[in-house]
Amino acid sequence: MKKKPVVCLMYDFDKTLCDRDMQEYDFIPNLGLTPAEFWGKANDLAETYHMERILSYMYVMLTECKKKNIKLTREYLNNCATHMKLYKGVETWFERINKFGESLGVTVEHYVLSSGTCEIIEGTSIAKQFKKVYGCEFHYNENGEADFPLNTVNYTTKTQYIHRISKGVFDITNDVDLNAHMDPNDRHAEFKNMIYMGDGLTDVPCMKMVSERGGKAIALYQKGKIFKGADLLIDGRADFLTQADYSEGSELDQIVKLIIERMSLESDLEEKYVKMTKKAIKSLEI
């Protein structure tokens, strides 16, 4: 039986699926801080101690919660997604795209590659739509309170997860299989069947990797804020530029469907070519 081609849609999260950094909806206001004050503390810490910026923001999350006597538990962070504002159409996007893929004989999978907080993403209404979420995550002590970063993801380390997705090596502790040679035919998903969606410069390494290997990169912008995304298109770092509107019939909806349709057709043509080649070789052997 023919194996269905797998098409992987990979998303940054902040300003790609929602309209701001995820900590700004509930987490930062609960600390009595403005976003500018919170990110200012994180940036100052990074510059003072030459600290990686993702680690610095996670450290500030820990220290500020301690100051306010807030127990930083997984459940607390899940609840910090309560007032998250997803872009138009996101709630119904996944089911619609999955059905479209099915109509073409394609399996569509969704992944998050984010420098945001996994536990906040877990609390969203769309969390169950992702096959895997790769993001920053805390370790929790015996009392269930966060005490140390368990995993961090920055704009360059994001790229390793593209390799993991392609090989089907989803466990981040499995570096042996990740780095082992794998026949292209044994891969979970081919790079040419990948679509990466992001909003800014921090997505460039992933966009470049996917595009160079035959996939497609889509730069998204918020309504009225096209200039940041336009640079990605002008510089050749993204294949498409469109507004972050996921509703049915939107430009983004049409672009993604056209890409998936093309990937499906190319897969069918490749299969026919392989069959013809095998048939020709067999006739020569006779």
C-alpha atoms as a PDB file:
ATOM      1  CA  MET A   1       0.000   0.000   0.000  1.00  0.00           C
ATOM      2  CA  LYS A   2       1.321   3.417  -0.967  1.00  0.00           C
ATOM      3  CA  LYS A   3       2.568   5.442   1.982  1.00  0.00           C
ATOM      4  CA  LYS A   4       0.957   8.866   2.212  1.00  0.00           C
ATOM      5  CA  PRO A   5       3.407  11.762   1.779  1.00  0.00           C
ATOM      6  CA  VAL A   6       3.833  13.741   5.005  1.00  0.00           C
ATOM      7  CA  VAL A   7       3.684  17.529   4.758  1.00  0.00           C
ATOM      8  CA  CYS A   8       4.996  19.329   7.839  1.00  0.00           C
ATOM      9  CA  LEU A   9       3.807  22.809   8.770  1.00  0.00           C
ATOM     10  CA  MET A  10       6.195  24.331  11.301  1.00  0.00           C
ATOM     11  CA  TYR A  11       5.306  27.500  13.181  1.00  0.00           C
ATOM     12  CA  ASP A  12       7.049  30.009  15.322  1.00  0.00           C
ATOM     13  CA  PHE A  13       4.416  30.948  17.924  1.00  0.00           C
ATOM     14  CA  ASP A  14       4.714  34.522  19.181  1.00  0.00           C
ATOM     15  CA  LYS A  15       3.415  36.971  16.542  1.00  0.00           C
ATOM     16  CA  THR A  16       2.962  34.041  14.185  1.00  0.00           C
ATOM     17  CA  LEU A  17      -0.099  32.382  15.733  1.00  0.00           C
ATOM     18  CA  CYS A  18      -0.839  35.046  18.369  1.00  0.00           C
ATOM     19  CA  ASP A  19      -0.436  38.818  18.226  1.00  0.00           C
ATOM     20  CA  ARG A  20       2.339  39.371  20.794  1.00  0.00           C
ATOM     21  CA  ASP A  21       4.857  37.591  23.014  1.00  0.00           C
ATOM     22  CA  MET A  22       2.900  34.966  24.952  1.00  0.00           C
ATOM     23  CA  GLN A  23       4.171  36.142  28.350  1.00  0.00           C
ATOM     24  CA  GLU A  24       2.501  39.512  27.791  1.00  0.00           C
ATOM     25  CA  TYR A  25      -1.106  38.297  28.053  1.00  0.00           C
ATOM     26  CA  ASP A  26      -1.222  37.161  31.685  1.00  0.00           C
ATOM     27  CA  PHE A  27       2.205  36.288  33.049  1.00  0.00           C
ATOM     28  CA  ILE A  28       3.813  39.740  32.960  1.00  0.00           C
ATOM     29  CA  PRO A  29       0.696  41.680  34.106  1.00  0.00           C
ATOM     30  CA  ASN A  30       0.396  39.273  37.053  1.00  0.00           C
ATOM     31  CA  LEU A  31       3.852  40.456  38.146  1.00  0.00           C
ATOM     32  CA  GLY A  32       2.689  44.068  38.146  1.00  0.00           C
ATOM     33  CA  LEU A  33       5.112  44.870  35.330  1.00  0.00           C
ATOM     34  CA  THR A  34       4.699  46.254  31.840  1.00  0.00           C
ATOM     35  CA  PRO A  35       6.145  44.263  28.930  1.00  0.00           C
ATOM     36  CA  ALA A  36       8.817  46.960  28.500  1.00  0.00           C
ATOM     37  CA  GLU A  37       9.848  46.609  32.150  1.00  0.00           C
ATOM     38  CA  PHE A  38       9.984  42.804  32.028  1.00  0.00           C
ATOM     39  CA  TRP A  39      11.957  42.552  28.778  1.00  0.00           C
ATOM     40  CA  GLY A  40      14.144  45.425  29.949  1.00  0.00           C
ATOM     41  CA  LYS A  41      15.132  43.423  33.028  1.00  0.00           C
ATOM     42  CA  ALA A  42      15.888  40.385  30.858  1.00  0.00           C
ATOM     43  CA  ASN A  43      17.976  42.412  28.391  1.00  0.00           C
ATOM     44  CA  ASP A  44      19.901  44.178  31.172  1.00  0.00           C
ATOM     45  CA  LEU A  45      20.694  40.816  32.775  1.00  0.00           C
ATOM     46  CA  ALA A  46      21.911  39.408  29.451  1.00  0.00           C
ATOM     47  CA  GLU A  47      24.146  42.390  28.747  1.00  0.00           C
ATOM     48  CA  THR A  48      25.536  42.633  32.275  1.00  0.00           C
ATOM     49  CA  TYR A  49      26.539  38.987  32.540  1.00  0.00           C
ATOM     50  CA  HIS A  50      26.962  38.206  28.810  1.00  0.00           C
ATOM     51  CA  MET A  51      24.112  35.789  29.252  1.00  0.00           C
ATOM     52  CA  GLU A  52      22.165  34.028  26.502  1.00  0.00           C
ATOM     53  CA  ARG A  53      18.948  36.037  26.135  1.00  0.00           C
ATOM     54  CA  ILE A  54      16.592  33.088  26.339  1.00  0.00           C
ATOM     55  CA  LEU A  55      18.159  32.010  29.625  1.00  0.00           C
ATOM     56  CA  SER A  56      17.960  35.589  30.915  1.00  0.00           C
ATOM     57  CA  TYR A  57      14.212  35.881  30.319  1.00  0.00           C
ATOM     58  CA  MET A  58      13.609  32.495  31.961  1.00  0.00           C
ATOM     59  CA  TYR A  59      15.716  33.594  34.937  1.00  0.00           C
ATOM     60  CA  VAL A  60      13.668  36.787  35.256  1.00  0.00           C
ATOM     61  CA  MET A  61      10.471  34.708  35.192  1.00  0.00           C
ATOM     62  CA  LEU A  62      11.809  32.722  38.156  1.00  0.00           C
ATOM     63  CA  THR A  63      13.122  35.662  40.187  1.00  0.00           C
ATOM     64  CA  GLU A  64      10.125  37.956  39.651  1.00  0.00           C
ATOM     65  CA  CYS A  65       7.671  35.229  40.643  1.00  0.00           C
ATOM     66  CA  LYS A  66       9.684  34.656  43.796  1.00  0.00           C
ATOM     67  CA  LYS A  67       9.501  38.379  44.627  1.00  0.00           C
ATOM     68  CA  LYS A  68       5.724  38.332  44.254  1.00  0.00           C
ATOM     69  CA  ASN A  69       5.311  35.034  46.125  1.00  0.00           C
ATOM     70  CA  ILE A  70       3.821  33.456  43.011  1.00  0.00           C
ATOM     71  CA  LYS A  71       4.272  29.697  42.818  1.00  0.00           C
ATOM     72  CA  LEU A  72       5.627  29.104  39.344  1.00  0.00           C
ATOM     73  CA  THR A  73       4.060  25.730  38.626  1.00  0.00           C
ATOM     74  CA  ARG A  74       3.201  24.092  35.315  1.00  0.00           C
ATOM     75  CA  GLU A  75      -0.482  24.636  36.059  1.00  0.00           C
ATOM     76  CA  TYR A  76       0.112  28.332  36.749  1.00  0.00           C
ATOM     77  CA  LEU A  77       1.860  28.757  33.397  1.00  0.00           C
ATOM     78  CA  ASN A  78      -0.884  26.798  31.612  1.00  0.00           C
ATOM     79  CA  ASN A  79      -3.369  29.314  33.017  1.00  0.00           C
ATOM     80  CA  CYS A  80      -1.281  32.194  31.674  1.00  0.00           C
ATOM     81  CA  ALA A  81      -2.721  31.419  28.231  1.00  0.00           C
ATOM     82  CA  THR A  82      -6.218  32.369  29.368  1.00  0.00           C
ATOM     83  CA  HIS A  83      -6.351  35.738  27.617  1.00  0.00           C
ATOM     84  CA  MET A  84      -4.170  34.878  24.644  1.00  0.00           C
ATOM     85  CA  LYS A  85      -5.376  36.453  21.409  1.00  0.00           C
ATOM     86  CA  LEU A  86      -4.899  34.118  18.469  1.00  0.00           C
ATOM     87  CA  TYR A  87      -4.985  35.497  14.968  1.00  0.00           C
ATOM     88  CA  LYS A  88      -8.185  35.361  12.956  1.00  0.00           C
ATOM     89  CA  GLY A  89      -8.974  31.850  11.766  1.00  0.00           C
ATOM     90  CA  VAL A  90      -6.348  30.030  13.850  1.00  0.00           C
ATOM     91  CA  GLU A  91      -8.930  28.081  15.879  1.00  0.00           C
ATOM     92  CA  THR A  92     -10.302  26.345  12.772  1.00  0.00           C
ATOM     93  CA  TRP A  93      -7.126  26.385  10.682  1.00  0.00           C
ATOM     94  CA  PHE A  94      -5.719  22.988  11.613  1.00  0.00           C
ATOM     95  CA  GLU A  95      -8.834  20.949  10.915  1.00  0.00           C
ATOM     96  CA  ARG A  96      -9.374  22.714   7.586  1.00  0.00           C
ATOM     97  CA  ILE A  97      -5.798  22.201   6.386  1.00  0.00           C
ATOM     98  CA  ASN A  98      -5.752  18.594   7.558  1.00  0.00           C
ATOM     99  CA  LYS A  99      -8.922  17.858   5.585  1.00  0.00           C
ATOM    100  CA  PHE A 100      -7.495  19.568   2.527  1.00  0.00           C
ATOM    101  CA  GLY A 101      -4.390  17.407   2.762  1.00  0.00           C
ATOM    102  CA  GLU A 102      -6.497  14.270   3.129  1.00  0.00           C
ATOM    103  CA  SER A 103      -8.396  15.169  -0.047  1.00  0.00           C
ATOM    104  CA  LEU A 104      -5.055  15.083  -1.891  1.00  0.00           C
ATOM    105  CA  GLY A 105      -3.802  11.893  -0.259  1.00  0.00           C
ATOM    106  CA  VAL A 106      -1.415  13.832   1.982  1.00  0.00           C
ATOM    107  CA  THR A 107      -0.923  13.628   5.751  1.00  0.00           C
ATOM    108  CA  VAL A 108      -0.481  17.107   7.223  1.00  0.00           C
ATOM    109  CA  GLU A 109       1.341  17.475  10.550  1.00  0.00           C
ATOM    110  CA  HIS A 110       1.786  20.624  12.632  1.00  0.00           C
ATOM    111  CA  TYR A 111       4.766  21.530  14.826  1.00  0.00           C
ATOM    112  CA  VAL A 112       5.811  24.482  16.975  1.00  0.00           C
ATOM    113  CA  LEU A 113       9.431  25.675  17.031  1.00  0.00           C
ATOM    114  CA  SER A 114       9.432  28.543  19.511  1.00  0.00           C
ATOM    115  CA  SER A 115      11.594  30.461  21.942  1.00  0.00           C
ATOM    116  CA  GLY A 116       8.435  30.953  23.957  1.00  0.00           C
ATOM    117  CA  THR A 117       7.310  28.956  26.979  1.00  0.00           C
ATOM    118  CA  CYS A 118       6.063  25.415  26.335  1.00  0.00           C
ATOM    119  CA  GLU A 119       3.874  25.402  29.417  1.00  0.00           C
ATOM    120  CA  ILE A 120       1.972  28.491  28.256  1.00  0.00           C
ATOM    121  CA  ILE A 121       1.470  26.922  24.818  1.00  0.00           C
ATOM    122  CA  GLU A 122       0.149  23.793  26.572  1.00  0.00           C
ATOM    123  CA  GLY A 123      -2.605  25.940  28.074  1.00  0.00           C
ATOM    124  CA  THR A 124      -3.890  27.209  24.726  1.00  0.00           C
ATOM    125  CA  SER A 125      -6.979  25.927  22.963  1.00  0.00           C
ATOM    126  CA  ILE A 126      -4.851  24.777  20.003  1.00  0.00           C
ATOM    127  CA  ALA A 127      -2.175  22.842  21.912  1.00  0.00           C
ATOM    128  CA  LYS A 128      -3.681  19.476  20.967  1.00  0.00           C
ATOM    129  CA  GLN A 129      -3.319  20.291  17.266  1.00  0.00           C
ATOM    130  CA  PHE A 130       0.470  19.962  17.298  1.00  0.00           C
ATOM    131  CA  LYS A 131       2.281  16.666  16.849  1.00  0.00           C
ATOM    132  CA  LYS A 132       5.178  18.141  18.834  1.00  0.00           C
ATOM    133  CA  VAL A 133       5.942  21.438  20.543  1.00  0.00           C
ATOM    134  CA  TYR A 134       9.599  22.432  20.819  1.00  0.00           C
ATOM    135  CA  GLY A 135      10.114  25.418  23.081  1.00  0.00           C
ATOM    136  CA  CYS A 136      11.574  26.644  26.363  1.00  0.00           C
ATOM    137  CA  GLU A 137      10.556  24.606  29.381  1.00  0.00           C
ATOM    138  CA  PHE A 138      11.227  24.557  33.120  1.00  0.00           C
ATOM    139  CA  HIS A 139      12.317  21.777  35.434  1.00  0.00           C
ATOM    140  CA  TYR A 140      10.076  21.423  38.503  1.00  0.00           C
ATOM    141  CA  ASN A 141      11.168  20.445  42.020  1.00  0.00           C
ATOM    142  CA  GLU A 142       9.498  18.000  44.383  1.00  0.00           C
ATOM    143  CA  ASN A 143       6.898  20.678  45.244  1.00  0.00           C
ATOM    144  CA  GLY A 144       5.984  21.139  41.581  1.00  0.00           C
ATOM    145  CA  GLU A 145       7.605  24.578  41.395  1.00  0.00           C
ATOM    146  CA  ALA A 146       9.935  25.667  38.595  1.00  0.00           C
ATOM    147  CA  ASP A 147      13.544  25.835  39.736  1.00  0.00           C
ATOM    148  CA  PHE A 148      15.722  25.602  36.618  1.00  0.00           C
ATOM    149  CA  PRO A 149      15.495  25.704  32.799  1.00  0.00           C
ATOM    150  CA  LEU A 150      14.881  22.204  31.463  1.00  0.00           C
ATOM    151  CA  ASN A 151      15.191  23.164  27.813  1.00  0.00           C
ATOM    152  CA  THR A 152      15.908  26.361  25.906  1.00  0.00           C
ATOM    153  CA  VAL A 153      15.310  27.144  22.249  1.00  0.00           C
ATOM    154  CA  ASN A 154      16.839  30.123  20.452  1.00  0.00           C
ATOM    155  CA  TYR A 155      16.753  31.137  16.807  1.00  0.00           C
ATOM    156  CA  THR A 156      19.704  28.940  15.815  1.00  0.00           C
ATOM    157  CA  THR A 157      18.958  25.864  17.935  1.00  0.00           C
ATOM    158  CA  LYS A 158      15.516  25.799  16.319  1.00  0.00           C
ATOM    159  CA  THR A 159      17.133  24.306  13.236  1.00  0.00           C
ATOM    160  CA  GLN A 160      17.996  21.016  14.954  1.00  0.00           C
ATOM    161  CA  TYR A 161      14.292  20.349  15.388  1.00  0.00           C
ATOM    162  CA  ILE A 162      13.755  20.541  11.645  1.00  0.00           C
ATOM    163  CA  HIS A 163      16.220  17.673  11.318  1.00  0.00           C
ATOM    164  CA  ARG A 164      14.437  15.782  14.105  1.00  0.00           C
ATOM    165  CA  ILE A 165      11.092  16.208  12.383  1.00  0.00           C
ATOM    166  CA  SER A 166      12.498  15.097   9.038  1.00  0.00           C
ATOM    167  CA  LYS A 167      14.030  11.953  10.541  1.00  0.00           C
ATOM    168  CA  GLY A 168      11.150  11.273  12.914  1.00  0.00           C
ATOM    169  CA  VAL A 169      13.532  11.466  15.892  1.00  0.00           C
ATOM    170  CA  PHE A 170      11.234  13.494  18.133  1.00  0.00           C
ATOM    171  CA  ASP A 171      12.852  12.691  21.500  1.00  0.00           C
ATOM    172  CA  ILE A 172      15.351  15.497  22.207  1.00  0.00           C
ATOM    173  CA  THR A 173      17.509  13.125  24.287  1.00  0.00           C
ATOM    174  CA  ASN A 174      18.064  10.872  21.260  1.00  0.00           C
ATOM    175  CA  ASP A 175      21.130  12.385  19.617  1.00  0.00           C
ATOM    176  CA  VAL A 176      22.443   9.061  18.307  1.00  0.00           C
ATOM    177  CA  ASP A 177      19.659   8.536  15.770  1.00  0.00           C
ATOM    178  CA  LEU A 178      19.528  12.252  15.025  1.00  0.00           C
ATOM    179  CA  ASN A 179      23.141  12.260  13.857  1.00  0.00           C
ATOM    180  CA  ALA A 180      23.211   8.795  12.311  1.00  0.00           C
ATOM    181  CA  HIS A 181      23.036   8.357   8.551  1.00  0.00           C
ATOM    182  CA  MET A 182      19.517   7.757   7.283  1.00  0.00           C
ATOM    183  CA  ASP A 183      18.450   6.771   3.804  1.00  0.00           C
ATOM    184  CA  PRO A 184      16.261   9.525   2.313  1.00  0.00           C
ATOM    185  CA  ASN A 185      13.524   6.967   1.686  1.00  0.00           C
ATOM    186  CA  ASP A 186      13.395   6.148   5.403  1.00  0.00           C
ATOM    187  CA  ARG A 187      12.833   9.710   6.547  1.00  0.00           C
ATOM    188  CA  HIS A 188       9.586  10.608   8.260  1.00  0.00           C
ATOM    189  CA  ALA A 189       9.235  13.671   6.050  1.00  0.00           C
ATOM    190  CA  GLU A 190      11.295  15.095   3.209  1.00  0.00           C
ATOM    191  CA  PHE A 191      12.627  18.647   3.495  1.00  0.00           C
ATOM    192  CA  LYS A 192      10.891  19.510   0.228  1.00  0.00           C
ATOM    193  CA  ASN A 193       7.572  18.753   1.942  1.00  0.00           C
ATOM    194  CA  MET A 194       8.119  21.265   4.743  1.00  0.00           C
ATOM    195  CA  ILE A 195       6.585  24.694   5.216  1.00  0.00           C
ATOM    196  CA  TYR A 196       8.021  27.069   7.840  1.00  0.00           C
ATOM    197  CA  MET A 197       5.971  30.046   9.013  1.00  0.00           C
ATOM    198  CA  GLY A 198       7.436  32.900  11.062  1.00  0.00           C
ATOM    199  CA  ASP A 199       7.338  36.637  11.567  1.00  0.00           C
ATOM    200  CA  GLY A 200      10.851  38.018  11.911  1.00  0.00           C
ATOM    201  CA  LEU A 201      14.630  37.857  11.884  1.00  0.00           C
ATOM    202  CA  THR A 202      14.745  35.182  14.590  1.00  0.00           C
ATOM    203  CA  ASP A 203      13.115  32.825  12.060  1.00  0.00           C
ATOM    204  CA  VAL A 204      15.729  33.378   9.350  1.00  0.00           C
ATOM    205  CA  PRO A 205      17.901  30.294  10.061  1.00  0.00           C
ATOM    206  CA  CYS A 206      14.846  28.000   9.854  1.00  0.00           C
ATOM    207  CA  MET A 207      13.466  29.760   6.781  1.00  0.00           C
ATOM    208  CA  LYS A 208      16.799  29.517   5.023  1.00  0.00           C
ATOM    209  CA  MET A 209      17.291  25.843   5.876  1.00  0.00           C
ATOM    210  CA  VAL A 210      13.828  24.839   4.675  1.00  0.00           C
ATOM    211  CA  SER A 211      14.000  26.891   1.463  1.00  0.00           C
ATOM    212  CA  GLU A 212      17.487  25.698   0.524  1.00  0.00           C
ATOM    213  CA  ARG A 213      16.329  22.096   0.827  1.00  0.00           C
ATOM    214  CA  GLY A 214      13.312  22.524  -1.403  1.00  0.00           C
ATOM    215  CA  GLY A 215      10.618  23.456   1.129  1.00  0.00           C
ATOM    216  CA  LYS A 216       8.848  26.783   1.464  1.00  0.00           C
ATOM    217  CA  ALA A 217       9.148  29.635   3.969  1.00  0.00           C
ATOM    218  CA  ILE A 218       6.292  32.051   4.634  1.00  0.00           C
ATOM    219  CA  ALA A 219       6.873  35.406   6.349  1.00  0.00           C
ATOM    220  CA  LEU A 220       3.840  36.703   8.238  1.00  0.00           C
ATOM    221  CA  TYR A 221       3.011  40.227   9.307  1.00  0.00           C
ATOM    222  CA  GLN A 222       0.331  41.826  11.438  1.00  0.00           C
ATOM    223  CA  LYS A 223      -2.148  44.118   9.736  1.00  0.00           C
ATOM    224  CA  GLY A 224      -0.504  47.491   9.236  1.00  0.00           C
ATOM    225  CA  LYS A 225       2.981  46.174  10.127  1.00  0.00           C
ATOM    226  CA  ILE A 226       4.236  44.824   6.810  1.00  0.00           C
ATOM    227  CA  PHE A 227       7.715  46.373   6.836  1.00  0.00           C
ATOM    228  CA  LYS A 228       9.450  43.872   9.125  1.00  0.00           C
ATOM    229  CA  GLY A 229       8.220  40.913   7.121  1.00  0.00           C
ATOM    230  CA  ALA A 230       8.924  42.647   3.803  1.00  0.00           C
ATOM    231  CA  ASP A 231      12.654  42.638   4.559  1.00  0.00           C
ATOM    232  CA  LEU A 232      12.585  38.838   4.733  1.00  0.00           C
ATOM    233  CA  LEU A 233      11.049  38.640   1.263  1.00  0.00           C
ATOM    234  CA  ILE A 234      13.265  41.321  -0.274  1.00  0.00           C
ATOM    235  CA  ASP A 235      16.404  39.648   1.087  1.00  0.00           C
ATOM    236  CA  GLY A 236      15.324  36.298  -0.340  1.00  0.00           C
ATOM    237  CA  ARG A 237      14.930  34.702   3.071  1.00  0.00           C
ATOM    238  CA  ALA A 238      11.248  33.905   2.616  1.00  0.00           C
ATOM    239  CA  ASP A 239       9.362  32.601  -0.405  1.00  0.00           C
ATOM    240  CA  PHE A 240       6.085  34.331   0.438  1.00  0.00           C
ATOM    241  CA  LEU A 241       4.931  37.346   2.451  1.00  0.00           C
ATOM    242  CA  THR A 242       1.354  37.592   3.651  1.00  0.00           C
ATOM    243  CA  GLN A 243      -0.807  38.871   6.501  1.00  0.00           C
ATOM    244  CA  ALA A 244      -1.268  36.602   9.535  1.00  0.00           C
ATOM    245  CA  ASP A 245      -4.900  35.845   8.729  1.00  0.00           C
ATOM    246  CA  TYR A 246      -5.681  32.120   8.924  1.00  0.00           C
ATOM    247  CA  SER A 247      -9.334  32.350   7.975  1.00  0.00           C
ATOM    248  CA  GLU A 248     -10.727  30.302   5.106  1.00  0.00           C
ATOM    249  CA  GLY A 249     -10.165  31.975   1.752  1.00  0.00           C
ATOM    250  CA  SER A 250      -7.503  34.355   3.090  1.00  0.00           C
ATOM    251  CA  GLU A 251      -4.291  34.871   1.137  1.00  0.00           C
ATOM    252  CA  LEU A 252      -2.404  32.706   3.645  1.00  0.00           C
ATOM    253  CA  ASP A 253      -5.008  29.964   3.330  1.00  0.00           C
ATOM    254  CA  GLN A 254      -4.687  30.017  -0.464  1.00  0.00           C
ATOM    255  CA  ILE A 255      -0.884  30.042  -0.419  1.00  0.00           C
ATOM    256  CA  VAL A 256      -0.573  27.078   1.926  1.00  0.00           C
ATOM    257  CA  LYS A 257      -3.157  25.056   0.002  1.00  0.00           C
ATOM    258  CA  LEU A 258      -1.373  25.733  -3.291  1.00  0.00           C
ATOM    259  CA  ILE A 259       1.946  24.656  -1.771  1.00  0.00           C
ATOM    260  CA  ILE A 260       0.444  21.446  -0.380  1.00  0.00           C
ATOM    261  CA  GLU A 261      -1.220  20.730  -3.726  1.00  0.00           C
ATOM    262  CA  ARG A 262       2.091  21.168  -5.524  1.00  0.00           C
ATOM    263  CA  MET A 263       3.872  18.938  -3.016  1.00  0.00           C
ATOM    264  CA  SER A 264       1.217  16.277  -3.553  1.00  0.00           C
ATOM    265  CA  LEU A 265       1.606  16.444  -7.358  1.00  0.00           C
ATOM    266  CA  GLU A 266       5.404  16.276  -7.145  1.00  0.00           C
ATOM    267  CA  SER A 267       5.145  13.234  -4.895  1.00  0.00           C
ATOM    268  CA  ASP A 268       2.869  11.493  -7.402  1.00  0.00           C
ATOM    269  CA  LEU A 269       5.193  12.340 -10.290  1.00  0.00           C
ATOM    270  CA  GLU A 270       8.204  11.097  -8.343  1.00  0.00           C
ATOM    271  CA  GLU A 271       6.466   7.810  -7.586  1.00  0.00           C
ATOM    272  CA  LYS A 272       5.571   7.322 -11.268  1.00  0.00           C
ATOM    273  CA  TYR A 273       9.172   8.086 -12.255  1.00  0.00           C
ATOM    274  CA  VAL A 274      10.520   5.526  -9.796  1.00  0.00           C
ATOM    275  CA  LYS A 275       8.105   2.874 -11.103  1.00  0.00           C
ATOM    276  CA  MET A 276       9.085   3.608 -14.708  1.00  0.00           C
ATOM    277  CA  THR A 277      12.780   3.433 -13.845  1.00  0.00           C
ATOM    278  CA  LYS A 278      12.403   0.105 -12.060  1.00  0.00           C
ATOM    279  CA  LYS A 279      10.415  -1.263 -15.002  1.00  0.00           C
ATOM    280  CA  ALA A 280      13.110  -0.143 -17.470  1.00  0.00           C
ATOM    281  CA  ILE A 281      15.881  -1.703 -15.366  1.00  0.00           C
ATOM    282  CA  LYS A 282      13.954  -4.945 -15.110  1.00  0.00           C
ATOM    283  CA  SER A 283      13.494  -5.091 -18.903  1.00  0.00           C
ATOM    284  CA  LEU A 284      17.251  -4.603 -19.400  1.00  0.00           C
ATOM    285  CA  GLU A 285      17.973  -7.470 -17.025  1.00  0.00           C
ATOM    286  CA  ILE A 286      15.766  -9.765 -19.109  1.00  0.00           C
END
